[in-house]
Amino acid sequence: MRQRKWIGTDSLESIDVRQQRLLNLVLQKVRYYYAELHQTRDCYKYPLSLSRLMKLCNRSGTRTLMAVRILSHSYDVELEREPPLYYERVSSSKNPMHRPYRIFLRSPHGS
């Protein structure tokens, strides 16, 4: 079991093998999107959205969002010093109630 430390607290959470596989899959697909797909075609010119990540991972929105939140708010004690992802939710200009997720990789050199 892997240990993840939550940012801003001293809490450690044990992640079982099944959860770790999901976290690895989501992180792999985010890296794939920014390394291979982003800016290659018009449909990939925008930051990674939750719906596109769901399609890349072939997982439900709930599971994908849970993985993104874990990867954004905690880090692996043994491998990382900060969370590998971050996301933002910006209101749409046409409909301020619509606040889509925009998911980004955190810089490997710190942010």
C-alpha atoms as a PDB file:
ATOM      1  CA  MET A   1       0.000   0.000   0.000  1.00  0.00           C
ATOM      2  CA  ARG A   2       1.210   3.462  -0.917  1.00  0.00           C
ATOM      3  CA  GLN A   3       1.065   6.429   1.441  1.00  0.00           C
ATOM      4  CA  ARG A   4      -0.140   9.831   0.242  1.00  0.00           C
ATOM      5  CA  LYS A   5       0.254  12.989   2.309  1.00  0.00           C
ATOM      6  CA  TRP A   6      -2.472  15.612   2.038  1.00  0.00           C
ATOM      7  CA  ILE A   7      -1.358  19.201   1.456  1.00  0.00           C
ATOM      8  CA  GLY A   8      -1.896  21.546   4.380  1.00  0.00           C
ATOM      9  CA  THR A   9      -2.386  18.764   6.919  1.00  0.00           C
ATOM     10  CA  ASP A  10      -0.333  16.069   8.555  1.00  0.00           C
ATOM     11  CA  SER A  11      -2.771  13.414   7.332  1.00  0.00           C
ATOM     12  CA  LEU A  12      -1.463  10.319   5.613  1.00  0.00           C
ATOM     13  CA  GLU A  13      -3.780   8.117   3.599  1.00  0.00           C
ATOM     14  CA  SER A  14      -3.076   4.564   2.544  1.00  0.00           C
ATOM     15  CA  ILE A  15      -3.951   3.878  -1.075  1.00  0.00           C
ATOM     16  CA  ASP A  16      -4.668   0.273  -1.994  1.00  0.00           C
ATOM     17  CA  VAL A  17      -3.537  -1.398  -5.217  1.00  0.00           C
ATOM     18  CA  ARG A  18      -6.802  -0.805  -7.081  1.00  0.00           C
ATOM     19  CA  GLN A  19      -6.863   2.905  -6.227  1.00  0.00           C
ATOM     20  CA  GLN A  20      -3.182   3.211  -7.119  1.00  0.00           C
ATOM     21  CA  ARG A  21      -3.815   1.696 -10.558  1.00  0.00           C
ATOM     22  CA  LEU A  22      -6.539   4.296 -11.183  1.00  0.00           C
ATOM     23  CA  LEU A  23      -4.272   7.139 -10.034  1.00  0.00           C
ATOM     24  CA  ASN A  24      -1.469   5.860 -12.277  1.00  0.00           C
ATOM     25  CA  LEU A  25      -3.846   5.585 -15.252  1.00  0.00           C
ATOM     26  CA  VAL A  26      -5.189   9.119 -14.809  1.00  0.00           C
ATOM     27  CA  LEU A  27      -1.707  10.603 -14.373  1.00  0.00           C
ATOM     28  CA  GLN A  28      -0.443   8.668 -17.407  1.00  0.00           C
ATOM     29  CA  LYS A  29      -3.315   9.958 -19.568  1.00  0.00           C
ATOM     30  CA  VAL A  30      -2.793  13.564 -18.440  1.00  0.00           C
ATOM     31  CA  ARG A  31       0.894  13.301 -19.319  1.00  0.00           C
ATOM     32  CA  TYR A  32       0.002  11.679 -22.659  1.00  0.00           C
ATOM     33  CA  TYR A  33      -2.437  14.494 -23.485  1.00  0.00           C
ATOM     34  CA  TYR A  34       0.113  17.251 -22.856  1.00  0.00           C
ATOM     35  CA  ALA A  35       3.041  15.388 -24.445  1.00  0.00           C
ATOM     36  CA  GLU A  36       1.346  13.965 -27.547  1.00  0.00           C
ATOM     37  CA  LEU A  37      -2.042  15.578 -28.216  1.00  0.00           C
ATOM     38  CA  HIS A  38      -2.114  19.150 -26.905  1.00  0.00           C
ATOM     39  CA  GLN A  39      -1.846  21.774 -29.684  1.00  0.00           C
ATOM     40  CA  THR A  40      -1.719  19.149 -32.470  1.00  0.00           C
ATOM     41  CA  ARG A  41      -5.272  19.715 -33.795  1.00  0.00           C
ATOM     42  CA  ASP A  42      -8.021  22.256 -33.233  1.00  0.00           C
ATOM     43  CA  CYS A  43      -9.894  19.934 -30.876  1.00  0.00           C
ATOM     44  CA  TYR A  44      -6.766  19.643 -28.687  1.00  0.00           C
ATOM     45  CA  LYS A  45      -5.892  23.331 -28.497  1.00  0.00           C
ATOM     46  CA  TYR A  46      -7.625  23.784 -25.129  1.00  0.00           C
ATOM     47  CA  PRO A  47      -6.436  22.662 -21.703  1.00  0.00           C
ATOM     48  CA  LEU A  48      -7.477  19.152 -20.688  1.00  0.00           C
ATOM     49  CA  SER A  49     -11.070  19.017 -19.484  1.00  0.00           C
ATOM     50  CA  LEU A  50     -12.635  16.470 -17.194  1.00  0.00           C
ATOM     51  CA  SER A  51     -14.860  15.124 -19.982  1.00  0.00           C
ATOM     52  CA  ARG A  52     -11.908  14.579 -22.334  1.00  0.00           C
ATOM     53  CA  LEU A  53      -9.927  12.914 -19.528  1.00  0.00           C
ATOM     54  CA  MET A  54     -12.889  10.604 -18.867  1.00  0.00           C
ATOM     55  CA  LYS A  55     -12.832   9.553 -22.515  1.00  0.00           C
ATOM     56  CA  LEU A  56      -9.058   9.025 -22.533  1.00  0.00           C
ATOM     57  CA  CYS A  57      -9.229   6.888 -19.375  1.00  0.00           C
ATOM     58  CA  ASN A  58     -12.497   5.160 -20.295  1.00  0.00           C
ATOM     59  CA  ARG A  59     -13.759   5.733 -16.735  1.00  0.00           C
ATOM     60  CA  SER A  60     -16.800   7.419 -15.240  1.00  0.00           C
ATOM     61  CA  GLY A  61     -16.816  11.068 -14.257  1.00  0.00           C
ATOM     62  CA  THR A  62     -17.030  10.300 -10.554  1.00  0.00           C
ATOM     63  CA  ARG A  63     -14.012   8.011 -10.540  1.00  0.00           C
ATOM     64  CA  THR A  64     -11.973  10.318 -12.752  1.00  0.00           C
ATOM     65  CA  LEU A  65     -12.815  13.373 -10.664  1.00  0.00           C
ATOM     66  CA  MET A  66     -11.928  11.505  -7.456  1.00  0.00           C
ATOM     67  CA  ALA A  67      -8.544  10.578  -8.935  1.00  0.00           C
ATOM     68  CA  VAL A  68      -7.896  14.151 -10.125  1.00  0.00           C
ATOM     69  CA  ARG A  69      -8.721  15.528  -6.687  1.00  0.00           C
ATOM     70  CA  ILE A  70      -6.429  13.023  -4.961  1.00  0.00           C
ATOM     71  CA  LEU A  71      -3.612  13.764  -7.425  1.00  0.00           C
ATOM     72  CA  SER A  72      -4.144  17.515  -6.980  1.00  0.00           C
ATOM     73  CA  HIS A  73      -4.356  17.681  -3.203  1.00  0.00           C
ATOM     74  CA  SER A  74      -1.907  15.005  -2.068  1.00  0.00           C
ATOM     75  CA  TYR A  75       1.472  13.585  -3.000  1.00  0.00           C
ATOM     76  CA  ASP A  76       3.180  10.216  -2.728  1.00  0.00           C
ATOM     77  CA  VAL A  77       5.451  10.309   0.308  1.00  0.00           C
ATOM     78  CA  GLU A  78       8.157   8.148  -1.305  1.00  0.00           C
ATOM     79  CA  LEU A  79       8.204   9.547  -4.848  1.00  0.00           C
ATOM     80  CA  GLU A  80       7.029  13.165  -4.879  1.00  0.00           C
ATOM     81  CA  ARG A  81       7.484  16.453  -3.050  1.00  0.00           C
ATOM     82  CA  GLU A  82       4.308  18.099  -4.357  1.00  0.00           C
ATOM     83  CA  PRO A  83       1.105  17.017  -6.087  1.00  0.00           C
ATOM     84  CA  PRO A  84       1.653  16.120  -9.770  1.00  0.00           C
ATOM     85  CA  LEU A  85      -1.543  17.855 -10.990  1.00  0.00           C
ATOM     86  CA  TYR A  86      -3.577  20.962 -10.381  1.00  0.00           C
ATOM     87  CA  TYR A  87      -6.882  22.121 -11.734  1.00  0.00           C
ATOM     88  CA  GLU A  88      -8.920  25.270 -11.971  1.00  0.00           C
ATOM     89  CA  ARG A  89     -12.544  26.018 -12.542  1.00  0.00           C
ATOM     90  CA  VAL A  90     -13.232  29.239 -14.418  1.00  0.00           C
ATOM     91  CA  SER A  91     -16.730  30.506 -15.129  1.00  0.00           C
ATOM     92  CA  SER A  92     -17.847  30.507 -18.727  1.00  0.00           C
ATOM     93  CA  SER A  93     -18.447  33.959 -20.218  1.00  0.00           C
ATOM     94  CA  LYS A  94     -21.811  32.941 -21.674  1.00  0.00           C
ATOM     95  CA  ASN A  95     -23.044  31.022 -18.628  1.00  0.00           C
ATOM     96  CA  PRO A  96     -21.321  31.890 -15.323  1.00  0.00           C
ATOM     97  CA  MET A  97     -22.951  28.888 -13.611  1.00  0.00           C
ATOM     98  CA  HIS A  98     -21.001  26.562 -15.924  1.00  0.00           C
ATOM     99  CA  ARG A  99     -17.544  26.086 -14.405  1.00  0.00           C
ATOM    100  CA  PRO A 100     -15.670  23.345 -16.279  1.00  0.00           C
ATOM    101  CA  TYR A 101     -12.559  21.713 -14.864  1.00  0.00           C
ATOM    102  CA  ARG A 102      -9.281  22.553 -16.586  1.00  0.00           C
ATOM    103  CA  ILE A 103      -6.590  20.054 -15.581  1.00  0.00           C
ATOM    104  CA  PHE A 104      -2.866  20.780 -15.809  1.00  0.00           C
ATOM    105  CA  LEU A 105       0.420  19.053 -15.042  1.00  0.00           C
ATOM    106  CA  ARG A 106       2.447  20.727 -12.344  1.00  0.00           C
ATOM    107  CA  SER A 107       5.926  21.773 -13.419  1.00  0.00           C
ATOM    108  CA  PRO A 108       8.524  19.111 -12.539  1.00  0.00           C
ATOM    109  CA  HIS A 109      10.829  21.868 -11.253  1.00  0.00           C
ATOM    110  CA  GLY A 110       8.335  23.332  -8.818  1.00  0.00           C
ATOM    111  CA  SER A 111       5.738  26.049  -9.229  1.00  0.00           C
END
